[in-house]
C-alpha atoms as a PDB file:
ATOM      1  CA  UNK A   1      17.062 -12.012 -11.651  1.00  0.00           C
ATOM      2  CA  UNK A   2      18.050  -9.299  -9.189  1.00  0.00           C
ATOM      3  CA  UNK A   3      21.059  -7.180 -10.061  1.00  0.00           C
ATOM      4  CA  UNK A   4      21.555  -5.856  -6.539  1.00  0.00           C
ATOM      5  CA  UNK A   5      20.882  -6.724  -2.910  1.00  0.00           C
ATOM      6  CA  UNK A   6      19.239  -4.661  -0.188  1.00  0.00           C
ATOM      7  CA  UNK A   7      21.201  -4.538   3.057  1.00  0.00           C
ATOM      8  CA  UNK A   8      20.640  -2.913   6.436  1.00  0.00           C
ATOM      9  CA  UNK A   9      22.677   0.006   7.721  1.00  0.00           C
ATOM     10  CA  UNK A  10      24.409  -2.397  10.070  1.00  0.00           C
ATOM     11  CA  UNK A  11      25.388  -4.712   7.224  1.00  0.00           C
ATOM     12  CA  UNK A  12      26.458  -1.704   5.163  1.00  0.00           C
ATOM     13  CA  UNK A  13      28.769  -0.527   7.933  1.00  0.00           C
ATOM     14  CA  UNK A  14      30.240  -3.963   8.578  1.00  0.00           C
ATOM     15  CA  UNK A  15      30.617  -5.254   5.040  1.00  0.00           C
ATOM     16  CA  UNK A  16      30.853  -2.286   2.683  1.00  0.00           C
ATOM     17  CA  UNK A  17      31.654   1.063   4.260  1.00  0.00           C
ATOM     18  CA  UNK A  18      34.704  -0.307   6.059  1.00  0.00           C
ATOM     19  CA  UNK A  19      35.925  -1.844   2.784  1.00  0.00           C
ATOM     20  CA  UNK A  20      38.704   0.431   1.531  1.00  0.00           C
ATOM     21  CA  UNK A  21      37.913  -0.104  -2.159  1.00  0.00           C
ATOM     22  CA  UNK A  22      34.126   0.237  -1.940  1.00  0.00           C
ATOM     23  CA  UNK A  23      32.264   2.787  -4.031  1.00  0.00           C
ATOM     24  CA  UNK A  24      29.789   4.606  -1.792  1.00  0.00           C
ATOM     25  CA  UNK A  25      27.304   6.662  -3.771  1.00  0.00           C
ATOM     26  CA  UNK A  26      24.917   9.237  -2.322  1.00  0.00           C
ATOM     27  CA  UNK A  27      21.833   9.441  -4.553  1.00  0.00           C
ATOM     28  CA  UNK A  28      20.327  12.445  -2.753  1.00  0.00           C
ATOM     29  CA  UNK A  29      20.346  16.004  -4.077  1.00  0.00           C
ATOM     30  CA  UNK A  30      23.634  17.976  -4.019  1.00  0.00           C
ATOM     31  CA  UNK A  31      22.498  20.240  -1.174  1.00  0.00           C
ATOM     32  CA  UNK A  32      21.646  17.320   1.116  1.00  0.00           C
ATOM     33  CA  UNK A  33      24.942  15.665   0.242  1.00  0.00           C
ATOM     34  CA  UNK A  34      26.876  18.840   1.024  1.00  0.00           C
ATOM     35  CA  UNK A  35      25.043  19.261   4.328  1.00  0.00           C
ATOM     36  CA  UNK A  36      26.016  15.785   5.559  1.00  0.00           C
ATOM     37  CA  UNK A  37      26.858  12.390   4.132  1.00  0.00           C
ATOM     38  CA  UNK A  38      28.537   9.088   4.938  1.00  0.00           C
ATOM     39  CA  UNK A  39      32.300   9.456   5.128  1.00  0.00           C
ATOM     40  CA  UNK A  40      33.857   8.544   1.813  1.00  0.00           C
ATOM     41  CA  UNK A  41      30.621   8.825  -0.158  1.00  0.00           C
ATOM     42  CA  UNK A  42      30.446  10.614  -3.506  1.00  0.00           C
ATOM     43  CA  UNK A  43      27.418  12.508  -4.769  1.00  0.00           C
ATOM     44  CA  UNK A  44      26.048  10.378  -7.597  1.00  0.00           C
ATOM     45  CA  UNK A  45      25.641  12.917 -10.403  1.00  0.00           C
ATOM     46  CA  UNK A  46      25.260  11.695 -13.964  1.00  0.00           C
ATOM     47  CA  UNK A  47      28.823  12.345 -15.045  1.00  0.00           C
ATOM     48  CA  UNK A  48      30.289  10.410 -12.135  1.00  0.00           C
ATOM     49  CA  UNK A  49      27.976   7.447 -12.668  1.00  0.00           C
ATOM     50  CA  UNK A  50      28.915   7.306 -16.345  1.00  0.00           C
ATOM     51  CA  UNK A  51      32.622   7.479 -15.487  1.00  0.00           C
ATOM     52  CA  UNK A  52      32.414   4.743 -12.849  1.00  0.00           C
ATOM     53  CA  UNK A  53      30.487   2.402 -15.116  1.00  0.00           C
ATOM     54  CA  UNK A  54      32.986   3.087 -17.881  1.00  0.00           C
ATOM     55  CA  UNK A  55      35.820   2.031 -15.583  1.00  0.00           C
ATOM     56  CA  UNK A  56      34.456  -1.544 -15.732  1.00  0.00           C
ATOM     57  CA  UNK A  57      35.897  -2.241 -12.281  1.00  0.00           C
ATOM     58  CA  UNK A  58      33.265  -4.942 -11.851  1.00  0.00           C
ATOM     59  CA  UNK A  59      34.742  -6.564  -8.731  1.00  0.00           C
ATOM     60  CA  UNK A  60      34.569  -3.326  -6.755  1.00  0.00           C
ATOM     61  CA  UNK A  61      31.720  -3.275  -4.187  1.00  0.00           C
ATOM     62  CA  UNK A  62      29.109  -0.578  -4.815  1.00  0.00           C
ATOM     63  CA  UNK A  63      26.795   0.784  -2.103  1.00  0.00           C
ATOM     64  CA  UNK A  64      24.052   3.240  -3.032  1.00  0.00           C
ATOM     65  CA  UNK A  65      21.920   5.143  -0.535  1.00  0.00           C
ATOM     66  CA  UNK A  66      19.275   7.846  -0.835  1.00  0.00           C
ATOM     67  CA  UNK A  67      16.842   9.463   1.617  1.00  0.00           C
ATOM     68  CA  UNK A  68      14.661   6.511   2.627  1.00  0.00           C
ATOM     69  CA  UNK A  69      16.058   3.577   0.649  1.00  0.00           C
ATOM     70  CA  UNK A  70      13.735   3.768  -2.372  1.00  0.00           C
ATOM     71  CA  UNK A  71      15.398   5.581  -5.294  1.00  0.00           C
ATOM     72  CA  UNK A  72      18.748   4.021  -4.403  1.00  0.00           C
ATOM     73  CA  UNK A  73      17.378   0.711  -5.705  1.00  0.00           C
ATOM     74  CA  UNK A  74      17.152   2.102  -9.232  1.00  0.00           C
ATOM     75  CA  UNK A  75      20.754   3.299  -9.280  1.00  0.00           C
ATOM     76  CA  UNK A  76      21.986   0.087  -7.688  1.00  0.00           C
ATOM     77  CA  UNK A  77      20.254  -1.838 -10.469  1.00  0.00           C
ATOM     78  CA  UNK A  78      21.972   0.326 -13.089  1.00  0.00           C
ATOM     79  CA  UNK A  79      25.365  -0.709 -11.716  1.00  0.00           C
ATOM     80  CA  UNK A  80      24.294  -4.330 -11.429  1.00  0.00           C
ATOM     81  CA  UNK A  81      23.075  -4.439 -15.014  1.00  0.00           C
ATOM     82  CA  UNK A  82      26.329  -2.817 -16.140  1.00  0.00           C
ATOM     83  CA  UNK A  83      28.224  -5.800 -14.764  1.00  0.00           C
ATOM     84  CA  UNK A  84      29.189  -4.847 -11.207  1.00  0.00           C
ATOM     85  CA  UNK A  85      29.028  -8.074  -9.196  1.00  0.00           C
ATOM     86  CA  UNK A  86      28.656  -6.697  -5.664  1.00  0.00           C
ATOM     87  CA  UNK A  87      26.011  -3.973  -5.778  1.00  0.00           C
ATOM     88  CA  UNK A  88      23.881  -2.942  -2.793  1.00  0.00           C
ATOM     89  CA  UNK A  89      21.089  -0.544  -1.889  1.00  0.00           C
ATOM     90  CA  UNK A  90      20.924   0.513   1.771  1.00  0.00           C
ATOM     91  CA  UNK A  91      17.565  -0.050   3.476  1.00  0.00           C
ATOM     92  CA  UNK A  92      16.138   3.052   5.090  1.00  0.00           C
ATOM     93  CA  UNK A  93      18.637   5.318   3.358  1.00  0.00           C
ATOM     94  CA  UNK A  94      20.490   8.126   5.076  1.00  0.00           C
ATOM     95  CA  UNK A  95      17.595   8.546   7.496  1.00  0.00           C
ATOM     96  CA  UNK A  96      18.276   5.078   8.881  1.00  0.00           C
ATOM     97  CA  UNK A  97      22.027   5.686   8.810  1.00  0.00           C
ATOM     98  CA  UNK A  98      21.688   8.682  11.125  1.00  0.00           C
ATOM     99  CA  UNK A  99      19.644   6.560  13.536  1.00  0.00           C
ATOM    100  CA  UNK A 100      21.794   3.438  13.239  1.00  0.00           C
ATOM    101  CA  UNK A 101      22.936   3.500  16.865  1.00  0.00           C
ATOM    102  CA  UNK A 102      19.335   3.195  18.065  1.00  0.00           C
ATOM    103  CA  UNK A 103      17.814   1.086  15.290  1.00  0.00           C
ATOM    104  CA  UNK A 104      20.086  -1.900  15.849  1.00  0.00           C
ATOM    105  CA  UNK A 105      21.555  -3.421  18.978  1.00  0.00           C
ATOM    106  CA  UNK A 106      25.303  -3.454  19.450  1.00  0.00           C
ATOM    107  CA  UNK A 107      24.805  -6.201  22.034  1.00  0.00           C
ATOM    108  CA  UNK A 108      24.760  -9.600  20.350  1.00  0.00           C
ATOM    109  CA  UNK A 109      21.395 -11.326  20.625  1.00  0.00           C
ATOM    110  CA  UNK A 110      20.913 -15.041  21.104  1.00  0.00           C
ATOM    111  CA  UNK A 111      20.450 -17.106  17.946  1.00  0.00           C
ATOM    112  CA  UNK A 112      16.846 -17.778  18.926  1.00  0.00           C
ATOM    113  CA  UNK A 113      16.049 -14.067  19.207  1.00  0.00           C
ATOM    114  CA  UNK A 114      17.655 -13.264  15.851  1.00  0.00           C
ATOM    115  CA  UNK A 115      15.767 -16.161  14.289  1.00  0.00           C
ATOM    116  CA  UNK A 116      12.505 -14.858  15.770  1.00  0.00           C
ATOM    117  CA  UNK A 117      13.239 -11.339  14.503  1.00  0.00           C
ATOM    118  CA  UNK A 118      13.659 -12.617  10.973  1.00  0.00           C
ATOM    119  CA  UNK A 119      10.490 -14.693  11.239  1.00  0.00           C
ATOM    120  CA  UNK A 120       8.641 -11.507  12.229  1.00  0.00           C
ATOM    121  CA  UNK A 121      10.041  -9.574   9.263  1.00  0.00           C
ATOM    122  CA  UNK A 122      12.793  -7.689  11.081  1.00  0.00           C
ATOM    123  CA  UNK A 123      16.513  -7.854  10.373  1.00  0.00           C
ATOM    124  CA  UNK A 124      18.958  -9.521  12.717  1.00  0.00           C
ATOM    125  CA  UNK A 125      19.932  -7.362  15.709  1.00  0.00           C
ATOM    126  CA  UNK A 126      16.910  -5.075  15.159  1.00  0.00           C
ATOM    127  CA  UNK A 127      16.191  -2.993  18.252  1.00  0.00           C
ATOM    128  CA  UNK A 128      13.989   0.024  17.511  1.00  0.00           C
ATOM    129  CA  UNK A 129      13.212  -0.737  13.871  1.00  0.00           C
ATOM    130  CA  UNK A 130       9.526  -0.745  12.998  1.00  0.00           C
ATOM    131  CA  UNK A 131       7.154  -3.016  11.095  1.00  0.00           C
ATOM    132  CA  UNK A 132       4.587  -1.584   8.634  1.00  0.00           C
ATOM    133  CA  UNK A 133       2.216  -0.975  11.568  1.00  0.00           C
ATOM    134  CA  UNK A 134       5.069   0.866  13.347  1.00  0.00           C
ATOM    135  CA  UNK A 135       5.352  -1.891  15.945  1.00  0.00           C
ATOM    136  CA  UNK A 136       8.871  -2.378  17.275  1.00  0.00           C
ATOM    137  CA  UNK A 137      10.369  -5.783  18.089  1.00  0.00           C
ATOM    138  CA  UNK A 138       9.574  -5.091  21.754  1.00  0.00           C
ATOM    139  CA  UNK A 139       5.917  -4.404  20.996  1.00  0.00           C
ATOM    140  CA  UNK A 140       5.650  -7.549  18.876  1.00  0.00           C
ATOM    141  CA  UNK A 141       7.396  -9.690  21.501  1.00  0.00           C
ATOM    142  CA  UNK A 142       5.039  -8.435  24.214  1.00  0.00           C
ATOM    143  CA  UNK A 143       2.024  -8.862  21.950  1.00  0.00           C
ATOM    144  CA  UNK A 144       3.003 -12.498  21.438  1.00  0.00           C
ATOM    145  CA  UNK A 145       3.874 -13.081  25.088  1.00  0.00           C
ATOM    146  CA  UNK A 146       7.550 -13.753  24.316  1.00  0.00           C
ATOM    147  CA  UNK A 147       8.885 -12.638  27.686  1.00  0.00           C
ATOM    148  CA  UNK A 148      12.449 -13.924  27.268  1.00  0.00           C
ATOM    149  CA  UNK A 149      12.803 -12.110  23.962  1.00  0.00           C
ATOM    150  CA  UNK A 150      11.255  -8.981  25.481  1.00  0.00           C
ATOM    151  CA  UNK A 151      13.802  -9.109  28.302  1.00  0.00           C
ATOM    152  CA  UNK A 152      16.650  -9.483  25.836  1.00  0.00           C
ATOM    153  CA  UNK A 153      15.422  -6.473  23.875  1.00  0.00           C
ATOM    154  CA  UNK A 154      15.046  -4.441  27.059  1.00  0.00           C
ATOM    155  CA  UNK A 155      18.553  -5.360  28.176  1.00  0.00           C
ATOM    156  CA  UNK A 156      19.815  -4.126  24.805  1.00  0.00           C
ATOM    157  CA  UNK A 157      18.137  -0.749  25.376  1.00  0.00           C
ATOM    158  CA  UNK A 158      14.856  -1.017  23.470  1.00  0.00           C
ATOM    159  CA  UNK A 159      12.781   2.174  23.529  1.00  0.00           C
ATOM    160  CA  UNK A 160       9.930   1.625  25.988  1.00  0.00           C
ATOM    161  CA  UNK A 161       7.679   4.380  24.722  1.00  0.00           C
ATOM    162  CA  UNK A 162       7.642   3.892  20.958  1.00  0.00           C
ATOM    163  CA  UNK A 163       4.066   3.380  19.791  1.00  0.00           C
ATOM    164  CA  UNK A 164       2.443   1.534  16.894  1.00  0.00           C
ATOM    165  CA  UNK A 165       0.048   3.107  14.404  1.00  0.00           C
ATOM    166  CA  UNK A 166      -2.751   2.856  16.977  1.00  0.00           C
ATOM    167  CA  UNK A 167      -0.689   4.871  19.430  1.00  0.00           C
ATOM    168  CA  UNK A 168      -0.122   1.941  21.772  1.00  0.00           C
ATOM    169  CA  UNK A 169       3.154   0.976  23.436  1.00  0.00           C
ATOM    170  CA  UNK A 170       4.641  -2.301  24.648  1.00  0.00           C
ATOM    171  CA  UNK A 171       2.633  -2.088  27.894  1.00  0.00           C
ATOM    172  CA  UNK A 172      -0.612  -2.300  25.929  1.00  0.00           C
ATOM    173  CA  UNK A 173       0.838  -5.160  23.871  1.00  0.00           C
ATOM    174  CA  UNK A 174       1.732  -7.073  27.038  1.00  0.00           C
ATOM    175  CA  UNK A 175      -1.833  -6.578  28.277  1.00  0.00           C
ATOM    176  CA  UNK A 176      -3.131  -7.908  24.966  1.00  0.00           C
ATOM    177  CA  UNK A 177      -1.300 -11.201  25.550  1.00  0.00           C
ATOM    178  CA  UNK A 178      -1.816 -10.844  29.312  1.00  0.00           C
ATOM    179  CA  UNK A 179       1.853 -11.738  29.697  1.00  0.00           C
ATOM    180  CA  UNK A 180       2.683 -10.902  33.304  1.00  0.00           C
ATOM    181  CA  UNK A 181       6.414 -11.672  32.898  1.00  0.00           C
ATOM    182  CA  UNK A 182       6.468  -9.135  30.050  1.00  0.00           C
ATOM    183  CA  UNK A 183       4.681  -6.573  32.207  1.00  0.00           C
ATOM    184  CA  UNK A 184       7.063  -7.286  35.085  1.00  0.00           C
ATOM    185  CA  UNK A 185      10.060  -6.662  32.818  1.00  0.00           C
ATOM    186  CA  UNK A 186       8.515  -3.436  31.496  1.00  0.00           C
ATOM    187  CA  UNK A 187       7.825  -2.143  35.007  1.00  0.00           C
ATOM    188  CA  UNK A 188      11.394  -2.987  36.037  1.00  0.00           C
ATOM    189  CA  UNK A 189      12.583  -0.911  33.074  1.00  0.00           C
ATOM    190  CA  UNK A 190      10.372   2.023  34.194  1.00  0.00           C
ATOM    191  CA  UNK A 191       7.832   1.881  31.382  1.00  0.00           C
ATOM    192  CA  UNK A 192       4.996   4.401  31.563  1.00  0.00           C
ATOM    193  CA  UNK A 193       1.892   2.483  32.629  1.00  0.00           C
ATOM    194  CA  UNK A 194      -0.360   5.489  32.027  1.00  0.00           C
ATOM    195  CA  UNK A 195       0.472   6.186  28.382  1.00  0.00           C
ATOM    196  CA  UNK A 196      -2.652   7.346  26.537  1.00  0.00           C
ATOM    197  CA  UNK A 197      -3.117   6.729  22.825  1.00  0.00           C
ATOM    198  CA  UNK A 198      -4.754   9.190  20.438  1.00  0.00           C
ATOM    199  CA  UNK A 199      -8.171   8.328  21.851  1.00  0.00           C
ATOM    200  CA  UNK A 200      -6.950   8.889  25.395  1.00  0.00           C
ATOM    201  CA  UNK A 201      -7.191   5.179  26.177  1.00  0.00           C
ATOM    202  CA  UNK A 202      -4.664   3.629  28.555  1.00  0.00           C
ATOM    203  CA  UNK A 203      -3.538   0.015  28.822  1.00  0.00           C
ATOM    204  CA  UNK A 204      -5.601  -0.255  32.012  1.00  0.00           C
ATOM    205  CA  UNK A 205      -8.749   0.890  30.219  1.00  0.00           C
ATOM    206  CA  UNK A 206      -8.079  -1.609  27.453  1.00  0.00           C
ATOM    207  CA  UNK A 207      -7.418  -4.484  29.856  1.00  0.00           C
ATOM    208  CA  UNK A 208     -10.601  -3.672  31.783  1.00  0.00           C
ATOM    209  CA  UNK A 209     -12.681  -3.576  28.599  1.00  0.00           C
ATOM    210  CA  UNK A 210     -11.137  -6.821  27.322  1.00  0.00           C
ATOM    211  CA  UNK A 211     -11.830  -8.728  30.531  1.00  0.00           C
ATOM    212  CA  UNK A 212      -8.165  -9.303  31.329  1.00  0.00           C
ATOM    213  CA  UNK A 213      -8.358  -9.392  35.105  1.00  0.00           C
ATOM    214  CA  UNK A 214      -4.758 -10.446  35.752  1.00  0.00           C
ATOM    215  CA  UNK A 215      -3.449  -7.576  33.653  1.00  0.00           C
ATOM    216  CA  UNK A 216      -5.795  -5.105  35.368  1.00  0.00           C
ATOM    217  CA  UNK A 217      -4.692  -6.233  38.813  1.00  0.00           C
ATOM    218  CA  UNK A 218      -1.027  -6.131  37.850  1.00  0.00           C
ATOM    219  CA  UNK A 219      -1.272  -2.594  36.478  1.00  0.00           C
ATOM    220  CA  UNK A 220      -3.147  -1.306  39.521  1.00  0.00           C
ATOM    221  CA  UNK A 221      -0.791  -3.062  41.939  1.00  0.00           C
ATOM    222  CA  UNK A 222       2.109  -1.375  40.177  1.00  0.00           C
ATOM    223  CA  UNK A 223       0.687   2.124  40.308  1.00  0.00           C
ATOM    224  CA  UNK A 224      -1.415   2.596  37.177  1.00  0.00           C
ATOM    225  CA  UNK A 225      -3.761   5.576  37.478  1.00  0.00           C
ATOM    226  CA  UNK A 226      -7.368   4.401  37.797  1.00  0.00           C
ATOM    227  CA  UNK A 227      -8.749   7.954  37.555  1.00  0.00           C
ATOM    228  CA  UNK A 228      -7.665   8.741  34.005  1.00  0.00           C
ATOM    229  CA  UNK A 229     -10.401   9.087  31.395  1.00  0.00           C
ATOM    230  CA  UNK A 230     -10.459   8.618  27.645  1.00  0.00           C
ATOM    231  CA  UNK A 231     -11.408  11.324  25.170  1.00  0.00           C
ATOM    232  CA  UNK A 232     -14.949   9.946  25.405  1.00  0.00           C
ATOM    233  CA  UNK A 233     -14.891  10.467  29.179  1.00  0.00           C
ATOM    234  CA  UNK A 234     -14.677   6.791  30.112  1.00  0.00           C
ATOM    235  CA  UNK A 235     -12.526   5.484  32.950  1.00  0.00           C
ATOM    236  CA  UNK A 236     -11.250   1.937  33.403  1.00  0.00           C
ATOM    237  CA  UNK A 237     -14.158   1.354  35.792  1.00  0.00           C
ATOM    238  CA  UNK A 238     -16.654   2.537  33.185  1.00  0.00           C
ATOM    239  CA  UNK A 239     -15.158   0.091  30.699  1.00  0.00           C
ATOM    240  CA  UNK A 240     -14.995  -2.927  33.014  1.00  0.00           C
ATOM    241  CA  UNK A 241     -16.428  -5.866  31.087  1.00  0.00           C
ATOM    242  CA  UNK A 242     -16.556  -8.500  33.826  1.00  0.00           C
ATOM    243  CA  UNK A 243     -17.997  -8.569  37.305  1.00  0.00           C
ATOM    244  CA  UNK A 244     -14.602  -9.478  38.780  1.00  0.00           C
ATOM    245  CA  UNK A 245     -12.930  -6.427  37.251  1.00  0.00           C
ATOM    246  CA  UNK A 246     -15.848  -4.209  38.265  1.00  0.00           C
ATOM    247  CA  UNK A 247     -15.619  -5.393  41.877  1.00  0.00           C
ATOM    248  CA  UNK A 248     -11.861  -4.898  41.877  1.00  0.00           C
ATOM    249  CA  UNK A 249     -11.868  -1.372  40.458  1.00  0.00           C
ATOM    250  CA  UNK A 250     -14.965   0.066  42.156  1.00  0.00           C
ATOM    251  CA  UNK A 251     -13.409   0.596  45.619  1.00  0.00           C
ATOM    252  CA  UNK A 252     -10.511   2.462  43.975  1.00  0.00           C
ATOM    253  CA  UNK A 253     -12.729   5.145  42.443  1.00  0.00           C
END
């Protein structure tokens, strides 16, 4: 049995923080609380927690947040076990709260996009949230060749240049799926086609090495730099894995 629920910053704002009677508890240290906190929040020191639990106002909503959304779970459980019926821990903590305007879209997504987001492990309306591999919804959509979802995310203002743990952006992901509609949407949004990951590898180099001719041609036709080299001193031409790509790139170098 769970004595509390985890909710996103968006859900916290909509359902709890705007609730006049809600208890909003900041589980960070006193200095951090004093420096900045959610309006109406109280610093959750031991005496206050004991007093609030003693009040037995069990119908009153309780929202707990900390730095990253970890230690707040413990305090939320304390209130839940004490009998409070509507107890919540805020995912991502105050860090996510400060970024709430960029993490979630204020433009309503289609039902199909929100359903897809949840299937992929994101929350509804996620925009620049990240998965464990730091991939954003845009990166995942491009990786899967979901061009309509990618367009919806771009229209909502998705960050084009956020990178996953490998240092690769949505352009690379679109080359992985060789989704030309995704690449077209990214170019229209002014994505950087020449982004280099930590190894200095660009999406063009990757596409050339993976034998993805259509992606290679698209990138070159849209201005990708064929002269860039990786940290190992390889260009896209050096990495060409098929004769067709080799023939296409050779006259450009």
